[in-house]
């Protein structure tokens, strides 16, 4: 379980997407441990999948944006 998220060319954008994702999830009652998200691929997949299933369009959008940054998920990274 190594580093999970690969920063895009602009690392600040990655940080902003993570912060948006975290707070949007919290608004739905789903609390995210960002440090665990970086190191636990199963947890990251679970969080992103939950975000993708949300009824909140902005949360689904953020989940889609984070999904390509996931590595080491046995073919689930796209």
PDB file of N, CA and C in Angstrom:
ATOM      1  N   UNK A   1       0.833  -1.185   0.000  1.00  0.00           N
ATOM      2  CA  UNK A   1       0.000   0.000   0.000  1.00  0.00           C
ATOM      3  C   UNK A   1       0.876   1.246   0.000  1.00  0.00           C
ATOM      4  N   UNK A   2       1.400   1.608  -1.165  1.00  0.00           N
ATOM      5  CA  UNK A   2       2.240   2.783  -1.277  1.00  0.00           C
ATOM      6  C   UNK A   2       1.433   4.019  -1.588  1.00  0.00           C
ATOM      7  N   UNK A   3       2.116   5.024  -2.070  1.00  0.00           N
ATOM      8  CA  UNK A   3       1.478   6.282  -2.428  1.00  0.00           C
ATOM      9  C   UNK A   3       0.371   6.022  -3.437  1.00  0.00           C
ATOM     10  N   UNK A   4      -0.766   6.580  -3.209  1.00  0.00           N
ATOM     11  CA  UNK A   4      -1.938   6.268  -4.001  1.00  0.00           C
ATOM     12  C   UNK A   4      -2.236   7.291  -5.077  1.00  0.00           C
ATOM     13  N   UNK A   5      -2.157   8.565  -4.754  1.00  0.00           N
ATOM     14  CA  UNK A   5      -2.520   9.591  -5.711  1.00  0.00           C
ATOM     15  C   UNK A   5      -1.285  10.175  -6.369  1.00  0.00           C
ATOM     16  N   UNK A   6      -1.306  10.275  -7.676  1.00  0.00           N
ATOM     17  CA  UNK A   6      -0.229  10.889  -8.425  1.00  0.00           C
ATOM     18  C   UNK A   6      -0.639  12.316  -8.727  1.00  0.00           C
ATOM     19  N   UNK A   7       0.120  13.293  -8.241  1.00  0.00           N
ATOM     20  CA  UNK A   7      -0.279  14.674  -8.472  1.00  0.00           C
ATOM     21  C   UNK A   7      -0.249  15.019  -9.957  1.00  0.00           C
ATOM     22  N   UNK A   8      -1.235  15.778 -10.411  1.00  0.00           N
ATOM     23  CA  UNK A   8      -1.229  16.229 -11.795  1.00  0.00           C
ATOM     24  C   UNK A   8      -0.125  17.260 -11.986  1.00  0.00           C
ATOM     25  N   UNK A   9       0.086  17.733 -13.215  1.00  0.00           N
ATOM     26  CA  UNK A   9       1.137  18.723 -13.441  1.00  0.00           C
ATOM     27  C   UNK A   9       1.066  19.899 -12.480  1.00  0.00           C
ATOM     28  N   UNK A  10      -0.121  20.326 -12.120  1.00  0.00           N
ATOM     29  CA  UNK A  10      -0.275  21.413 -11.152  1.00  0.00           C
ATOM     30  C   UNK A  10      -0.729  20.812  -9.829  1.00  0.00           C
ATOM     31  N   UNK A  11       0.213  20.614  -8.914  1.00  0.00           N
ATOM     32  CA  UNK A  11      -0.068  19.952  -7.641  1.00  0.00           C
ATOM     33  C   UNK A  11      -1.119  20.693  -6.825  1.00  0.00           C
ATOM     34  N   UNK A  12      -1.185  22.023  -6.968  1.00  0.00           N
ATOM     35  CA  UNK A  12      -2.192  22.791  -6.241  1.00  0.00           C
ATOM     36  C   UNK A  12      -3.601  22.377  -6.639  1.00  0.00           C
ATOM     37  N   UNK A  13      -3.804  22.034  -7.916  1.00  0.00           N
ATOM     38  CA  UNK A  13      -5.113  21.571  -8.367  1.00  0.00           C
ATOM     39  C   UNK A  13      -5.499  20.277  -7.673  1.00  0.00           C
ATOM     40  N   UNK A  14      -4.544  19.380  -7.500  1.00  0.00           N
ATOM     41  CA  UNK A  14      -4.798  18.105  -6.827  1.00  0.00           C
ATOM     42  C   UNK A  14      -5.227  18.353  -5.385  1.00  0.00           C
ATOM     43  N   UNK A  15      -4.536  19.237  -4.712  1.00  0.00           N
ATOM     44  CA  UNK A  15      -4.869  19.551  -3.317  1.00  0.00           C
ATOM     45  C   UNK A  15      -6.274  20.136  -3.235  1.00  0.00           C
ATOM     46  N   UNK A  16      -6.599  21.042  -4.152  1.00  0.00           N
ATOM     47  CA  UNK A  16      -7.930  21.651  -4.145  1.00  0.00           C
ATOM     48  C   UNK A  16      -9.018  20.619  -4.424  1.00  0.00           C
ATOM     49  N   UNK A  17      -8.765  19.696  -5.350  1.00  0.00           N
ATOM     50  CA  UNK A  17      -9.742  18.650  -5.643  1.00  0.00           C
ATOM     51  C   UNK A  17      -9.954  17.750  -4.432  1.00  0.00           C
ATOM     52  N   UNK A  18      -8.865  17.422  -3.733  1.00  0.00           N
ATOM     53  CA  UNK A  18      -8.988  16.591  -2.528  1.00  0.00           C
ATOM     54  C   UNK A  18      -9.771  17.302  -1.432  1.00  0.00           C
ATOM     55  N   UNK A  19      -9.494  18.592  -1.242  1.00  0.00           N
ATOM     56  CA  UNK A  19     -10.203  19.360  -0.217  1.00  0.00           C
ATOM     57  C   UNK A  19     -11.686  19.467  -0.575  1.00  0.00           C
ATOM     58  N   UNK A  20     -11.975  19.770  -1.841  1.00  0.00           N
ATOM     59  CA  UNK A  20     -13.376  19.816  -2.280  1.00  0.00           C
ATOM     60  C   UNK A  20     -14.065  18.479  -2.025  1.00  0.00           C
ATOM     61  N   UNK A  21     -13.400  17.398  -2.432  1.00  0.00           N
ATOM     62  CA  UNK A  21     -13.954  16.059  -2.260  1.00  0.00           C
ATOM     63  C   UNK A  21     -14.228  15.777  -0.784  1.00  0.00           C
ATOM     64  N   UNK A  22     -13.255  16.074   0.054  1.00  0.00           N
ATOM     65  CA  UNK A  22     -13.394  15.818   1.491  1.00  0.00           C
ATOM     66  C   UNK A  22     -14.603  16.551   2.067  1.00  0.00           C
ATOM     67  N   UNK A  23     -14.754  17.839   1.741  1.00  0.00           N
ATOM     68  CA  UNK A  23     -15.846  18.620   2.323  1.00  0.00           C
ATOM     69  C   UNK A  23     -17.194  18.269   1.714  1.00  0.00           C
ATOM     70  N   UNK A  24     -17.221  17.952   0.432  1.00  0.00           N
ATOM     71  CA  UNK A  24     -18.475  17.509  -0.177  1.00  0.00           C
ATOM     72  C   UNK A  24     -18.935  16.190   0.443  1.00  0.00           C
ATOM     73  N   UNK A  25     -17.998  15.278   0.664  1.00  0.00           N
ATOM     74  CA  UNK A  25     -18.328  14.008   1.313  1.00  0.00           C
ATOM     75  C   UNK A  25     -18.811  14.256   2.742  1.00  0.00           C
ATOM     76  N   UNK A  26     -18.134  15.142   3.468  1.00  0.00           N
ATOM     77  CA  UNK A  26     -18.533  15.452   4.843  1.00  0.00           C
ATOM     78  C   UNK A  26     -19.949  16.025   4.879  1.00  0.00           C
ATOM     79  N   UNK A  27     -20.292  16.817   3.869  1.00  0.00           N
ATOM     80  CA  UNK A  27     -21.633  17.377   3.786  1.00  0.00           C
ATOM     81  C   UNK A  27     -22.709  16.313   3.634  1.00  0.00           C
ATOM     82  N   UNK A  28     -22.326  15.144   3.161  1.00  0.00           N
ATOM     83  CA  UNK A  28     -23.243  14.015   3.018  1.00  0.00           C
ATOM     84  C   UNK A  28     -23.142  13.061   4.211  1.00  0.00           C
ATOM     85  N   UNK A  29     -22.283  13.425   5.194  1.00  0.00           N
ATOM     86  CA  UNK A  29     -22.127  12.588   6.375  1.00  0.00           C
ATOM     87  C   UNK A  29     -21.077  11.506   6.234  1.00  0.00           C
ATOM     88  N   UNK A  30     -20.273  11.583   5.166  1.00  0.00           N
ATOM     89  CA  UNK A  30     -19.226  10.603   4.896  1.00  0.00           C
ATOM     90  C   UNK A  30     -17.878  11.255   5.146  1.00  0.00           C
ATOM     91  N   UNK A  31     -17.266  10.966   6.264  1.00  0.00           N
ATOM     92  CA  UNK A  31     -15.998  11.602   6.638  1.00  0.00           C
ATOM     93  C   UNK A  31     -14.832  10.863   5.997  1.00  0.00           C
ATOM     94  N   UNK A  32     -13.889  11.636   5.450  1.00  0.00           N
ATOM     95  CA  UNK A  32     -12.748  11.106   4.702  1.00  0.00           C
ATOM     96  C   UNK A  32     -11.472  11.369   5.472  1.00  0.00           C
ATOM     97  N   UNK A  33     -10.644  10.351   5.596  1.00  0.00           N
ATOM     98  CA  UNK A  33      -9.303  10.469   6.165  1.00  0.00           C
ATOM     99  C   UNK A  33      -8.343  10.635   4.986  1.00  0.00           C
ATOM    100  N   UNK A  34      -7.938  11.876   4.716  1.00  0.00           N
ATOM    101  CA  UNK A  34      -7.136  12.175   3.523  1.00  0.00           C
ATOM    102  C   UNK A  34      -5.794  11.457   3.556  1.00  0.00           C
ATOM    103  N   UNK A  35      -5.159  11.350   4.706  1.00  0.00           N
ATOM    104  CA  UNK A  35      -3.875  10.646   4.747  1.00  0.00           C
ATOM    105  C   UNK A  35      -4.065   9.162   4.425  1.00  0.00           C
ATOM    106  N   UNK A  36      -5.158   8.576   4.884  1.00  0.00           N
ATOM    107  CA  UNK A  36      -5.439   7.170   4.558  1.00  0.00           C
ATOM    108  C   UNK A  36      -5.768   7.035   3.070  1.00  0.00           C
ATOM    109  N   UNK A  37      -6.442   8.027   2.513  1.00  0.00           N
ATOM    110  CA  UNK A  37      -6.779   8.016   1.091  1.00  0.00           C
ATOM    111  C   UNK A  37      -5.519   7.918   0.240  1.00  0.00           C
ATOM    112  N   UNK A  38      -4.433   8.526   0.705  1.00  0.00           N
ATOM    113  CA  UNK A  38      -3.154   8.502  -0.014  1.00  0.00           C
ATOM    114  C   UNK A  38      -2.458   7.146   0.051  1.00  0.00           C
ATOM    115  N   UNK A  39      -2.695   6.367   1.114  1.00  0.00           N
ATOM    116  CA  UNK A  39      -1.900   5.152   1.293  1.00  0.00           C
ATOM    117  C   UNK A  39      -2.682   3.850   1.214  1.00  0.00           C
ATOM    118  N   UNK A  40      -4.007   3.909   1.234  1.00  0.00           N
ATOM    119  CA  UNK A  40      -4.832   2.695   1.266  1.00  0.00           C
ATOM    120  C   UNK A  40      -5.722   2.666   0.022  1.00  0.00           C
ATOM    121  N   UNK A  41      -5.308   1.885  -0.972  1.00  0.00           N
ATOM    122  CA  UNK A  41      -6.023   1.893  -2.249  1.00  0.00           C
ATOM    123  C   UNK A  41      -7.458   1.379  -2.126  1.00  0.00           C
ATOM    124  N   UNK A  42      -7.690   0.384  -1.297  1.00  0.00           N
ATOM    125  CA  UNK A  42      -9.053  -0.138  -1.122  1.00  0.00           C
ATOM    126  C   UNK A  42      -9.967   0.939  -0.525  1.00  0.00           C
ATOM    127  N   UNK A  43      -9.444   1.671   0.432  1.00  0.00           N
ATOM    128  CA  UNK A  43     -10.205   2.762   1.046  1.00  0.00           C
ATOM    129  C   UNK A  43     -10.490   3.854   0.018  1.00  0.00           C
ATOM    130  N   UNK A  44      -9.501   4.189  -0.797  1.00  0.00           N
ATOM    131  CA  UNK A  44      -9.681   5.221  -1.819  1.00  0.00           C
ATOM    132  C   UNK A  44     -10.763   4.832  -2.815  1.00  0.00           C
ATOM    133  N   UNK A  45     -10.741   3.584  -3.250  1.00  0.00           N
ATOM    134  CA  UNK A  45     -11.761   3.102  -4.188  1.00  0.00           C
ATOM    135  C   UNK A  45     -13.143   3.202  -3.540  1.00  0.00           C
ATOM    136  N   UNK A  46     -13.233   2.781  -2.294  1.00  0.00           N
ATOM    137  CA  UNK A  46     -14.507   2.827  -1.575  1.00  0.00           C
ATOM    138  C   UNK A  46     -15.030   4.268  -1.490  1.00  0.00           C
ATOM    139  N   UNK A  47     -14.155   5.202  -1.159  1.00  0.00           N
ATOM    140  CA  UNK A  47     -14.561   6.608  -1.038  1.00  0.00           C
ATOM    141  C   UNK A  47     -15.011   7.172  -2.379  1.00  0.00           C
ATOM    142  N   UNK A  48     -14.241   6.914  -3.412  1.00  0.00           N
ATOM    143  CA  UNK A  48     -14.579   7.454  -4.728  1.00  0.00           C
ATOM    144  C   UNK A  48     -15.866   6.820  -5.256  1.00  0.00           C
ATOM    145  N   UNK A  49     -16.022   5.526  -5.059  1.00  0.00           N
ATOM    146  CA  UNK A  49     -17.260   4.866  -5.498  1.00  0.00           C
ATOM    147  C   UNK A  49     -18.471   5.446  -4.758  1.00  0.00           C
ATOM    148  N   UNK A  50     -18.315   5.699  -3.483  1.00  0.00           N
ATOM    149  CA  UNK A  50     -19.406   6.300  -2.716  1.00  0.00           C
ATOM    150  C   UNK A  50     -19.725   7.689  -3.269  1.00  0.00           C
ATOM    151  N   UNK A  51     -18.680   8.452  -3.585  1.00  0.00           N
ATOM    152  CA  UNK A  51     -18.895   9.775  -4.167  1.00  0.00           C
ATOM    153  C   UNK A  51     -19.590   9.709  -5.516  1.00  0.00           C
ATOM    154  N   UNK A  52     -19.231   8.710  -6.314  1.00  0.00           N
ATOM    155  CA  UNK A  52     -19.853   8.541  -7.633  1.00  0.00           C
ATOM    156  C   UNK A  52     -21.332   8.195  -7.526  1.00  0.00           C
ATOM    157  N   UNK A  53     -21.749   7.600  -6.422  1.00  0.00           N
ATOM    158  CA  UNK A  53     -23.141   7.201  -6.222  1.00  0.00           C
ATOM    159  C   UNK A  53     -23.981   8.288  -5.546  1.00  0.00           C
ATOM    160  N   UNK A  54     -23.356   9.403  -5.225  1.00  0.00           N
ATOM    161  CA  UNK A  54     -24.054  10.482  -4.537  1.00  0.00           C
ATOM    162  C   UNK A  54     -25.125  11.115  -5.427  1.00  0.00           C
ATOM    163  N   UNK A  55     -26.118  11.711  -4.792  1.00  0.00           N
ATOM    164  CA  UNK A  55     -27.139  12.454  -5.526  1.00  0.00           C
ATOM    165  C   UNK A  55     -26.690  13.902  -5.784  1.00  0.00           C
ATOM    166  N   UNK A  56     -25.520  14.269  -5.297  1.00  0.00           N
ATOM    167  CA  UNK A  56     -24.998  15.619  -5.473  1.00  0.00           C
ATOM    168  C   UNK A  56     -24.106  15.672  -6.718  1.00  0.00           C
ATOM    169  N   UNK A  57     -24.515  16.396  -7.763  1.00  0.00           N
ATOM    170  CA  UNK A  57     -23.738  16.428  -9.009  1.00  0.00           C
ATOM    171  C   UNK A  57     -22.285  16.878  -8.826  1.00  0.00           C
ATOM    172  N   UNK A  58     -22.047  17.875  -7.977  1.00  0.00           N
ATOM    173  CA  UNK A  58     -20.678  18.354  -7.789  1.00  0.00           C
ATOM    174  C   UNK A  58     -19.798  17.288  -7.140  1.00  0.00           C
ATOM    175  N   UNK A  59     -20.344  16.512  -6.230  1.00  0.00           N
ATOM    176  CA  UNK A  59     -19.584  15.431  -5.604  1.00  0.00           C
ATOM    177  C   UNK A  59     -19.268  14.341  -6.630  1.00  0.00           C
ATOM    178  N   UNK A  60     -20.216  14.019  -7.479  1.00  0.00           N
ATOM    179  CA  UNK A  60     -19.942  13.049  -8.537  1.00  0.00           C
ATOM    180  C   UNK A  60     -18.847  13.566  -9.472  1.00  0.00           C
ATOM    181  N   UNK A  61     -18.896  14.855  -9.792  1.00  0.00           N
ATOM    182  CA  UNK A  61     -17.869  15.459 -10.658  1.00  0.00           C
ATOM    183  C   UNK A  61     -16.485  15.373 -10.022  1.00  0.00           C
ATOM    184  N   UNK A  62     -16.382  15.704  -8.745  1.00  0.00           N
ATOM    185  CA  UNK A  62     -15.095  15.620  -8.045  1.00  0.00           C
ATOM    186  C   UNK A  62     -14.600  14.179  -7.996  1.00  0.00           C
ATOM    187  N   UNK A  63     -15.498  13.242  -7.800  1.00  0.00           N
ATOM    188  CA  UNK A  63     -15.123  11.824  -7.765  1.00  0.00           C
ATOM    189  C   UNK A  63     -14.555  11.393  -9.108  1.00  0.00           C
ATOM    190  N   UNK A  64     -15.175  11.836 -10.184  1.00  0.00           N
ATOM    191  CA  UNK A  64     -14.690  11.519 -11.530  1.00  0.00           C
ATOM    192  C   UNK A  64     -13.307  12.129 -11.741  1.00  0.00           C
ATOM    193  N   UNK A  65     -13.082  13.337 -11.242  1.00  0.00           N
ATOM    194  CA  UNK A  65     -11.784  13.993 -11.398  1.00  0.00           C
ATOM    195  C   UNK A  65     -10.684  13.279 -10.626  1.00  0.00           C
ATOM    196  N   UNK A  66     -10.999  12.721  -9.466  1.00  0.00           N
ATOM    197  CA  UNK A  66      -9.993  12.036  -8.656  1.00  0.00           C
ATOM    198  C   UNK A  66      -9.709  10.621  -9.143  1.00  0.00           C
ATOM    199  N   UNK A  67     -10.673  10.003  -9.759  1.00  0.00           N
ATOM    200  CA  UNK A  67     -10.543   8.594 -10.158  1.00  0.00           C
ATOM    201  C   UNK A  67      -9.301   8.298 -11.004  1.00  0.00           C
ATOM    202  N   UNK A  68      -8.947   9.126 -12.004  1.00  0.00           N
ATOM    203  CA  UNK A  68      -7.763   8.810 -12.816  1.00  0.00           C
ATOM    204  C   UNK A  68      -6.448   8.898 -12.046  1.00  0.00           C
ATOM    205  N   UNK A  69      -6.436   9.518 -10.889  1.00  0.00           N
ATOM    206  CA  UNK A  69      -5.218   9.671 -10.115  1.00  0.00           C
ATOM    207  C   UNK A  69      -4.892   8.436  -9.284  1.00  0.00           C
ATOM    208  N   UNK A  70      -5.804   7.470  -9.239  1.00  0.00           N
ATOM    209  CA  UNK A  70      -5.610   6.275  -8.422  1.00  0.00           C
ATOM    210  C   UNK A  70      -4.713   5.294  -9.161  1.00  0.00           C
ATOM    211  N   UNK A  71      -3.717   4.773  -8.448  1.00  0.00           N
ATOM    212  CA  UNK A  71      -2.792   3.795  -9.004  1.00  0.00           C
ATOM    213  C   UNK A  71      -2.790   2.529  -8.164  1.00  0.00           C
ATOM    214  N   UNK A  72      -2.423   1.449  -8.773  1.00  0.00           N
ATOM    215  CA  UNK A  72      -2.252   0.196  -8.046  1.00  0.00           C
ATOM    216  C   UNK A  72      -3.534  -0.450  -7.607  1.00  0.00           C
ATOM    217  N   UNK A  73      -4.581  -0.338  -8.424  1.00  0.00           N
ATOM    218  CA  UNK A  73      -5.868  -0.880  -8.018  1.00  0.00           C
ATOM    219  C   UNK A  73      -6.279  -2.079  -8.859  1.00  0.00           C
ATOM    220  N   UNK A  74      -5.334  -2.744  -9.459  1.00  0.00           N
ATOM    221  CA  UNK A  74      -5.649  -3.963 -10.195  1.00  0.00           C
ATOM    222  C   UNK A  74      -6.609  -3.760 -11.347  1.00  0.00           C
ATOM    223  N   UNK A  75      -6.347  -2.747 -12.169  1.00  0.00           N
ATOM    224  CA  UNK A  75      -7.162  -2.534 -13.352  1.00  0.00           C
ATOM    225  C   UNK A  75      -8.321  -1.584 -13.141  1.00  0.00           C
ATOM    226  N   UNK A  76      -8.542  -1.105 -11.928  1.00  0.00           N
ATOM    227  CA  UNK A  76      -9.647  -0.191 -11.698  1.00  0.00           C
ATOM    228  C   UNK A  76      -9.265   1.259 -11.931  1.00  0.00           C
ATOM    229  N   UNK A  77      -7.985   1.547 -12.079  1.00  0.00           N
ATOM    230  CA  UNK A  77      -7.569   2.927 -12.345  1.00  0.00           C
ATOM    231  C   UNK A  77      -7.796   3.236 -13.807  1.00  0.00           C
ATOM    232  N   UNK A  78      -8.506   4.329 -14.076  1.00  0.00           N
ATOM    233  CA  UNK A  78      -8.814   4.709 -15.452  1.00  0.00           C
ATOM    234  C   UNK A  78      -8.770   6.191 -15.586  1.00  0.00           C
TER     235      UNK A  78
END
